[in-house]
PDB file of N, CA and C in Angstrom:
ATOM      1  N   UNK A   1      36.416  30.599 -35.159  1.00  0.00           N
ATOM      2  CA  UNK A   1      36.658  29.295 -34.567  1.00  0.00           C
ATOM      3  C   UNK A   1      37.066  29.528 -33.115  1.00  0.00           C
ATOM      4  N   UNK A   2      36.534  28.756 -32.214  1.00  0.00           N
ATOM      5  CA  UNK A   2      36.940  28.944 -30.825  1.00  0.00           C
ATOM      6  C   UNK A   2      38.185  28.095 -30.529  1.00  0.00           C
ATOM      7  N   UNK A   3      38.821  28.366 -29.401  1.00  0.00           N
ATOM      8  CA  UNK A   3      40.112  27.756 -29.072  1.00  0.00           C
ATOM      9  C   UNK A   3      40.004  26.245 -28.880  1.00  0.00           C
ATOM     10  N   UNK A   4      38.933  25.767 -28.290  1.00  0.00           N
ATOM     11  CA  UNK A   4      38.775  24.318 -28.095  1.00  0.00           C
ATOM     12  C   UNK A   4      38.705  23.575 -29.426  1.00  0.00           C
ATOM     13  N   UNK A   5      38.066  24.171 -30.422  1.00  0.00           N
ATOM     14  CA  UNK A   5      38.014  23.558 -31.755  1.00  0.00           C
ATOM     15  C   UNK A   5      39.399  23.509 -32.391  1.00  0.00           C
ATOM     16  N   UNK A   6      40.163  24.585 -32.235  1.00  0.00           N
ATOM     17  CA  UNK A   6      41.529  24.627 -32.783  1.00  0.00           C
ATOM     18  C   UNK A   6      42.382  23.557 -32.113  1.00  0.00           C
ATOM     19  N   UNK A   7      42.283  23.444 -30.794  1.00  0.00           N
ATOM     20  CA  UNK A   7      43.079  22.452 -30.052  1.00  0.00           C
ATOM     21  C   UNK A   7      42.744  21.023 -30.467  1.00  0.00           C
ATOM     22  N   UNK A   8      41.487  20.738 -30.692  1.00  0.00           N
ATOM     23  CA  UNK A   8      41.113  19.372 -31.082  1.00  0.00           C
ATOM     24  C   UNK A   8      41.479  19.071 -32.537  1.00  0.00           C
ATOM     25  N   UNK A   9      41.452  20.081 -33.397  1.00  0.00           N
ATOM     26  CA  UNK A   9      41.801  19.884 -34.805  1.00  0.00           C
ATOM     27  C   UNK A   9      43.303  19.773 -35.014  1.00  0.00           C
ATOM     28  N   UNK A  10      44.085  20.564 -34.261  1.00  0.00           N
ATOM     29  CA  UNK A  10      45.544  20.596 -34.414  1.00  0.00           C
ATOM     30  C   UNK A  10      46.225  20.316 -33.074  1.00  0.00           C
ATOM     31  N   UNK A  11      46.206  19.087 -32.589  1.00  0.00           N
ATOM     32  CA  UNK A  11      46.821  18.804 -31.282  1.00  0.00           C
ATOM     33  C   UNK A  11      48.342  18.921 -31.310  1.00  0.00           C
ATOM     34  N   UNK A  12      48.889  19.531 -30.256  1.00  0.00           N
ATOM     35  CA  UNK A  12      50.334  19.647 -30.052  1.00  0.00           C
ATOM     36  C   UNK A  12      51.069  20.293 -31.226  1.00  0.00           C
ATOM     37  N   UNK A  13      50.532  21.432 -31.703  1.00  0.00           N
ATOM     38  CA  UNK A  13      51.119  22.159 -32.838  1.00  0.00           C
ATOM     39  C   UNK A  13      51.219  23.645 -32.517  1.00  0.00           C
ATOM     40  N   UNK A  14      52.187  24.313 -33.156  1.00  0.00           N
ATOM     41  CA  UNK A  14      52.225  25.767 -33.165  1.00  0.00           C
ATOM     42  C   UNK A  14      51.326  26.229 -34.303  1.00  0.00           C
ATOM     43  N   UNK A  15      50.512  27.255 -34.023  1.00  0.00           N
ATOM     44  CA  UNK A  15      49.555  27.747 -35.004  1.00  0.00           C
ATOM     45  C   UNK A  15      49.702  29.259 -35.132  1.00  0.00           C
ATOM     46  N   UNK A  16      49.727  29.760 -36.372  1.00  0.00           N
ATOM     47  CA  UNK A  16      49.652  31.196 -36.622  1.00  0.00           C
ATOM     48  C   UNK A  16      48.172  31.542 -36.671  1.00  0.00           C
ATOM     49  N   UNK A  17      47.751  32.430 -35.779  1.00  0.00           N
ATOM     50  CA  UNK A  17      46.341  32.780 -35.629  1.00  0.00           C
ATOM     51  C   UNK A  17      46.109  34.263 -35.862  1.00  0.00           C
ATOM     52  N   UNK A  18      44.882  34.611 -36.223  1.00  0.00           N
ATOM     53  CA  UNK A  18      44.445  36.004 -36.304  1.00  0.00           C
ATOM     54  C   UNK A  18      43.282  36.157 -35.340  1.00  0.00           C
ATOM     55  N   UNK A  19      43.405  37.126 -34.442  1.00  0.00           N
ATOM     56  CA  UNK A  19      42.359  37.382 -33.457  1.00  0.00           C
ATOM     57  C   UNK A  19      41.177  38.072 -34.130  1.00  0.00           C
ATOM     58  N   UNK A  20      39.992  37.506 -33.963  1.00  0.00           N
ATOM     59  CA  UNK A  20      38.776  38.093 -34.525  1.00  0.00           C
ATOM     60  C   UNK A  20      37.926  38.776 -33.458  1.00  0.00           C
ATOM     61  N   UNK A  21      37.975  38.244 -32.230  1.00  0.00           N
ATOM     62  CA  UNK A  21      37.207  38.824 -31.119  1.00  0.00           C
ATOM     63  C   UNK A  21      37.995  38.602 -29.837  1.00  0.00           C
ATOM     64  N   UNK A  22      38.129  39.646 -29.037  1.00  0.00           N
ATOM     65  CA  UNK A  22      38.926  39.567 -27.810  1.00  0.00           C
ATOM     66  C   UNK A  22      38.361  40.513 -26.760  1.00  0.00           C
ATOM     67  N   UNK A  23      38.739  40.288 -25.513  1.00  0.00           N
ATOM     68  CA  UNK A  23      38.390  41.210 -24.433  1.00  0.00           C
ATOM     69  C   UNK A  23      39.512  41.187 -23.398  1.00  0.00           C
ATOM     70  N   UNK A  24      39.533  42.209 -22.539  1.00  0.00           N
ATOM     71  CA  UNK A  24      40.564  42.315 -21.505  1.00  0.00           C
ATOM     72  C   UNK A  24      39.924  42.027 -20.154  1.00  0.00           C
ATOM     73  N   UNK A  25      40.598  41.161 -19.393  1.00  0.00           N
ATOM     74  CA  UNK A  25      40.090  40.754 -18.084  1.00  0.00           C
ATOM     75  C   UNK A  25      41.278  40.538 -17.150  1.00  0.00           C
ATOM     76  N   UNK A  26      41.331  41.276 -16.044  1.00  0.00           N
ATOM     77  CA  UNK A  26      42.402  41.133 -15.047  1.00  0.00           C
ATOM     78  C   UNK A  26      43.796  41.245 -15.657  1.00  0.00           C
ATOM     79  N   UNK A  27      44.033  42.295 -16.441  1.00  0.00           N
ATOM     80  CA  UNK A  27      45.336  42.543 -17.074  1.00  0.00           C
ATOM     81  C   UNK A  27      45.766  41.421 -18.016  1.00  0.00           C
ATOM     82  N   UNK A  28      44.803  40.724 -18.586  1.00  0.00           N
ATOM     83  CA  UNK A  28      45.086  39.679 -19.570  1.00  0.00           C
ATOM     84  C   UNK A  28      44.200  39.904 -20.783  1.00  0.00           C
ATOM     85  N   UNK A  29      44.780  39.700 -21.965  1.00  0.00           N
ATOM     86  CA  UNK A  29      43.994  39.747 -23.189  1.00  0.00           C
ATOM     87  C   UNK A  29      43.466  38.339 -23.430  1.00  0.00           C
ATOM     88  N   UNK A  30      42.154  38.190 -23.401  1.00  0.00           N
ATOM     89  CA  UNK A  30      41.508  36.897 -23.608  1.00  0.00           C
ATOM     90  C   UNK A  30      40.929  36.880 -25.022  1.00  0.00           C
ATOM     91  N   UNK A  31      41.353  35.908 -25.814  1.00  0.00           N
ATOM     92  CA  UNK A  31      40.917  35.811 -27.198  1.00  0.00           C
ATOM     93  C   UNK A  31      39.704  34.884 -27.254  1.00  0.00           C
ATOM     94  N   UNK A  32      38.593  35.384 -27.788  1.00  0.00           N
ATOM     95  CA  UNK A  32      37.351  34.618 -27.842  1.00  0.00           C
ATOM     96  C   UNK A  32      37.170  33.873 -29.163  1.00  0.00           C
ATOM     97  N   UNK A  33      37.619  34.481 -30.259  1.00  0.00           N
ATOM     98  CA  UNK A  33      37.402  33.896 -31.578  1.00  0.00           C
ATOM     99  C   UNK A  33      38.638  34.136 -32.436  1.00  0.00           C
ATOM    100  N   UNK A  34      39.097  33.095 -33.145  1.00  0.00           N
ATOM    101  CA  UNK A  34      40.303  33.200 -33.966  1.00  0.00           C
ATOM    102  C   UNK A  34      40.074  32.595 -35.343  1.00  0.00           C
ATOM    103  N   UNK A  35      40.949  32.988 -36.272  1.00  0.00           N
ATOM    104  CA  UNK A  35      41.034  32.349 -37.585  1.00  0.00           C
ATOM    105  C   UNK A  35      42.405  31.709 -37.683  1.00  0.00           C
ATOM    106  N   UNK A  36      42.446  30.459 -38.095  1.00  0.00           N
ATOM    107  CA  UNK A  36      43.721  29.768 -38.278  1.00  0.00           C
ATOM    108  C   UNK A  36      44.305  30.221 -39.606  1.00  0.00           C
ATOM    109  N   UNK A  37      45.510  30.813 -39.549  1.00  0.00           N
ATOM    110  CA  UNK A  37      46.185  31.274 -40.755  1.00  0.00           C
ATOM    111  C   UNK A  37      47.072  30.168 -41.306  1.00  0.00           C
ATOM    112  N   UNK A  38      47.855  29.521 -40.414  1.00  0.00           N
ATOM    113  CA  UNK A  38      48.795  28.504 -40.874  1.00  0.00           C
ATOM    114  C   UNK A  38      49.219  27.620 -39.705  1.00  0.00           C
ATOM    115  N   UNK A  39      49.381  26.343 -39.979  1.00  0.00           N
ATOM    116  CA  UNK A  39      49.967  25.414 -39.010  1.00  0.00           C
ATOM    117  C   UNK A  39      51.473  25.454 -39.227  1.00  0.00           C
ATOM    118  N   UNK A  40      52.243  25.632 -38.138  1.00  0.00           N
ATOM    119  CA  UNK A  40      53.685  25.839 -38.248  1.00  0.00           C
ATOM    120  C   UNK A  40      54.472  24.637 -37.746  1.00  0.00           C
ATOM    121  N   UNK A  41      55.631  24.414 -38.362  1.00  0.00           N
ATOM    122  CA  UNK A  41      56.594  23.450 -37.837  1.00  0.00           C
ATOM    123  C   UNK A  41      57.268  24.078 -36.630  1.00  0.00           C
ATOM    124  N   UNK A  42      57.775  23.260 -35.734  1.00  0.00           N
ATOM    125  CA  UNK A  42      58.461  23.772 -34.547  1.00  0.00           C
ATOM    126  C   UNK A  42      59.629  24.674 -34.924  1.00  0.00           C
ATOM    127  N   UNK A  43      60.329  24.347 -36.007  1.00  0.00           N
ATOM    128  CA  UNK A  43      61.506  25.112 -36.420  1.00  0.00           C
ATOM    129  C   UNK A  43      61.168  26.522 -36.897  1.00  0.00           C
ATOM    130  N   UNK A  44      60.019  26.709 -37.510  1.00  0.00           N
ATOM    131  CA  UNK A  44      59.680  28.020 -38.058  1.00  0.00           C
ATOM    132  C   UNK A  44      58.825  28.881 -37.126  1.00  0.00           C
ATOM    133  N   UNK A  45      58.363  28.340 -36.015  1.00  0.00           N
ATOM    134  CA  UNK A  45      57.440  29.057 -35.134  1.00  0.00           C
ATOM    135  C   UNK A  45      58.042  30.339 -34.568  1.00  0.00           C
ATOM    136  N   UNK A  46      59.289  30.292 -34.112  1.00  0.00           N
ATOM    137  CA  UNK A  46      59.916  31.486 -33.531  1.00  0.00           C
ATOM    138  C   UNK A  46      60.117  32.563 -34.581  1.00  0.00           C
ATOM    139  N   UNK A  47      60.544  32.171 -35.757  1.00  0.00           N
ATOM    140  CA  UNK A  47      60.770  33.139 -36.840  1.00  0.00           C
ATOM    141  C   UNK A  47      59.471  33.845 -37.223  1.00  0.00           C
ATOM    142  N   UNK A  48      58.393  33.101 -37.315  1.00  0.00           N
ATOM    143  CA  UNK A  48      57.097  33.684 -37.657  1.00  0.00           C
ATOM    144  C   UNK A  48      56.595  34.569 -36.519  1.00  0.00           C
ATOM    145  N   UNK A  49      56.797  34.149 -35.273  1.00  0.00           N
ATOM    146  CA  UNK A  49      56.370  34.934 -34.111  1.00  0.00           C
ATOM    147  C   UNK A  49      57.012  36.315 -34.104  1.00  0.00           C
ATOM    148  N   UNK A  50      58.295  36.384 -34.405  1.00  0.00           N
ATOM    149  CA  UNK A  50      59.013  37.665 -34.403  1.00  0.00           C
ATOM    150  C   UNK A  50      58.455  38.604 -35.474  1.00  0.00           C
ATOM    151  N   UNK A  51      57.953  38.058 -36.562  1.00  0.00           N
ATOM    152  CA  UNK A  51      57.448  38.868 -37.673  1.00  0.00           C
ATOM    153  C   UNK A  51      55.971  39.240 -37.534  1.00  0.00           C
ATOM    154  N   UNK A  52      55.290  38.723 -36.526  1.00  0.00           N
ATOM    155  CA  UNK A  52      53.852  38.982 -36.358  1.00  0.00           C
ATOM    156  C   UNK A  52      53.582  40.448 -36.036  1.00  0.00           C
ATOM    157  N   UNK A  53      52.503  40.968 -36.623  1.00  0.00           N
ATOM    158  CA  UNK A  53      52.077  42.347 -36.371  1.00  0.00           C
ATOM    159  C   UNK A  53      50.563  42.377 -36.206  1.00  0.00           C
ATOM    160  N   UNK A  54      50.103  43.402 -35.533  1.00  0.00           N
ATOM    161  CA  UNK A  54      48.664  43.605 -35.403  1.00  0.00           C
ATOM    162  C   UNK A  54      47.979  42.498 -34.632  1.00  0.00           C
ATOM    163  N   UNK A  55      46.976  41.908 -35.220  1.00  0.00           N
ATOM    164  CA  UNK A  55      46.177  40.885 -34.541  1.00  0.00           C
ATOM    165  C   UNK A  55      46.677  39.468 -34.802  1.00  0.00           C
ATOM    166  N   UNK A  56      47.794  39.321 -35.517  1.00  0.00           N
ATOM    167  CA  UNK A  56      48.373  38.000 -35.770  1.00  0.00           C
ATOM    168  C   UNK A  56      49.290  37.604 -34.623  1.00  0.00           C
ATOM    169  N   UNK A  57      49.283  36.320 -34.265  1.00  0.00           N
ATOM    170  CA  UNK A  57      50.164  35.823 -33.216  1.00  0.00           C
ATOM    171  C   UNK A  57      50.325  34.314 -33.365  1.00  0.00           C
ATOM    172  N   UNK A  58      51.364  33.785 -32.720  1.00  0.00           N
ATOM    173  CA  UNK A  58      51.639  32.346 -32.733  1.00  0.00           C
ATOM    174  C   UNK A  58      51.350  31.802 -31.340  1.00  0.00           C
ATOM    175  N   UNK A  59      50.671  30.658 -31.288  1.00  0.00           N
ATOM    176  CA  UNK A  59      50.320  30.049 -30.004  1.00  0.00           C
ATOM    177  C   UNK A  59      50.384  28.537 -30.153  1.00  0.00           C
ATOM    178  N   UNK A  60      50.680  27.850 -29.056  1.00  0.00           N
ATOM    179  CA  UNK A  60      50.774  26.387 -29.087  1.00  0.00           C
ATOM    180  C   UNK A  60      49.492  25.781 -28.536  1.00  0.00           C
ATOM    181  N   UNK A  61      49.030  24.728 -29.174  1.00  0.00           N
ATOM    182  CA  UNK A  61      47.744  24.137 -28.792  1.00  0.00           C
ATOM    183  C   UNK A  61      47.790  23.326 -27.496  1.00  0.00           C
ATOM    184  N   UNK A  62      48.955  23.214 -26.884  1.00  0.00           N
ATOM    185  CA  UNK A  62      49.025  22.537 -25.580  1.00  0.00           C
ATOM    186  C   UNK A  62      48.456  23.411 -24.462  1.00  0.00           C
ATOM    187  N   UNK A  63      48.325  24.708 -24.709  1.00  0.00           N
ATOM    188  CA  UNK A  63      47.778  25.635 -23.712  1.00  0.00           C
ATOM    189  C   UNK A  63      46.262  25.486 -23.640  1.00  0.00           C
ATOM    190  N   UNK A  64      45.730  25.377 -22.422  1.00  0.00           N
ATOM    191  CA  UNK A  64      44.287  25.202 -22.254  1.00  0.00           C
ATOM    192  C   UNK A  64      43.495  26.470 -22.544  1.00  0.00           C
ATOM    193  N   UNK A  65      44.056  27.618 -22.158  1.00  0.00           N
ATOM    194  CA  UNK A  65      43.359  28.889 -22.362  1.00  0.00           C
ATOM    195  C   UNK A  65      44.131  29.741 -23.358  1.00  0.00           C
ATOM    196  N   UNK A  66      43.387  30.504 -24.124  1.00  0.00           N
ATOM    197  CA  UNK A  66      43.992  31.411 -25.096  1.00  0.00           C
ATOM    198  C   UNK A  66      43.955  32.814 -24.500  1.00  0.00           C
ATOM    199  N   UNK A  67      45.002  33.122 -23.706  1.00  0.00           N
ATOM    200  CA  UNK A  67      45.097  34.421 -23.052  1.00  0.00           C
ATOM    201  C   UNK A  67      46.557  34.826 -22.937  1.00  0.00           C
ATOM    202  N   UNK A  68      46.785  36.141 -22.957  1.00  0.00           N
ATOM    203  CA  UNK A  68      48.141  36.683 -22.881  1.00  0.00           C
ATOM    204  C   UNK A  68      48.195  37.790 -21.845  1.00  0.00           C
ATOM    205  N   UNK A  69      49.265  37.823 -21.074  1.00  0.00           N
ATOM    206  CA  UNK A  69      49.468  38.900 -20.108  1.00  0.00           C
ATOM    207  C   UNK A  69      49.722  40.206 -20.845  1.00  0.00           C
ATOM    208  N   UNK A  70      49.152  41.281 -20.334  1.00  0.00           N
ATOM    209  CA  UNK A  70      49.395  42.605 -20.893  1.00  0.00           C
ATOM    210  C   UNK A  70      50.533  43.229 -20.105  1.00  0.00           C
ATOM    211  N   UNK A  71      51.605  43.569 -20.798  1.00  0.00           N
ATOM    212  CA  UNK A  71      52.784  44.157 -20.169  1.00  0.00           C
ATOM    213  C   UNK A  71      52.838  45.625 -20.567  1.00  0.00           C
ATOM    214  N   UNK A  72      52.819  46.505 -19.570  1.00  0.00           N
ATOM    215  CA  UNK A  72      52.883  47.942 -19.824  1.00  0.00           C
ATOM    216  C   UNK A  72      54.339  48.383 -19.794  1.00  0.00           C
ATOM    217  N   UNK A  73      54.805  48.942 -20.878  1.00  0.00           N
ATOM    218  CA  UNK A  73      56.177  49.436 -20.954  1.00  0.00           C
ATOM    219  C   UNK A  73      56.190  50.907 -20.535  1.00  0.00           C
ATOM    220  N   UNK A  74      57.108  51.296 -19.647  1.00  0.00           N
ATOM    221  CA  UNK A  74      57.178  52.706 -19.255  1.00  0.00           C
ATOM    222  C   UNK A  74      57.665  53.555 -20.429  1.00  0.00           C
ATOM    223  N   UNK A  75      57.168  54.770 -20.490  1.00  0.00           N
ATOM    224  CA  UNK A  75      57.605  55.691 -21.536  1.00  0.00           C
ATOM    225  C   UNK A  75      58.887  56.364 -21.071  1.00  0.00           C
ATOM    226  N   UNK A  76      59.910  56.254 -21.871  1.00  0.00           N
ATOM    227  CA  UNK A  76      61.202  56.851 -21.543  1.00  0.00           C
ATOM    228  C   UNK A  76      61.413  58.093 -22.396  1.00  0.00           C
ATOM    229  N   UNK A  77      61.917  59.140 -21.785  1.00  0.00           N
ATOM    230  CA  UNK A  77      62.195  60.373 -22.514  1.00  0.00           C
ATOM    231  C   UNK A  77      63.688  60.612 -22.514  1.00  0.00           C
ATOM    232  N   UNK A  78      64.176  61.122 -23.597  1.00  0.00           N
ATOM    233  CA  UNK A  78      65.596  61.428 -23.671  1.00  0.00           C
ATOM    234  C   UNK A  78      66.412  60.221 -24.077  1.00  0.00           C
ATOM    235  N   UNK A  79      67.694  60.301 -23.803  1.00  0.00           N
ATOM    236  CA  UNK A  79      68.627  59.250 -24.190  1.00  0.00           C
ATOM    237  C   UNK A  79      68.936  58.376 -22.987  1.00  0.00           C
ATOM    238  N   UNK A  80      68.853  57.085 -23.187  1.00  0.00           N
ATOM    239  CA  UNK A  80      69.197  56.134 -22.137  1.00  0.00           C
ATOM    240  C   UNK A  80      70.675  55.820 -22.264  1.00  0.00           C
ATOM    241  N   UNK A  81      71.416  55.990 -21.172  1.00  0.00           N
ATOM    242  CA  UNK A  81      72.868  55.736 -21.226  1.00  0.00           C
ATOM    243  C   UNK A  81      73.228  54.550 -20.416  1.00  0.00           C
TER     244      UNK A  81
END
């Protein structure tokens, strides 16, 4: 399902999605195709987001584009004090 179809079917909702097809463009992960796993209440969206792993993620349908910034974490060696 593409993002425009999801937005029109579930307006102004948090949705648990599974990425089926994606690509990287300008340090952003752009999702091309998704599967809707579950429509979430506002109260449970944060809890579900924290538990997401792999290709699952939570997104709100008010966003026009389905893309996420890629953040590179530096590798730290040893003990941080």
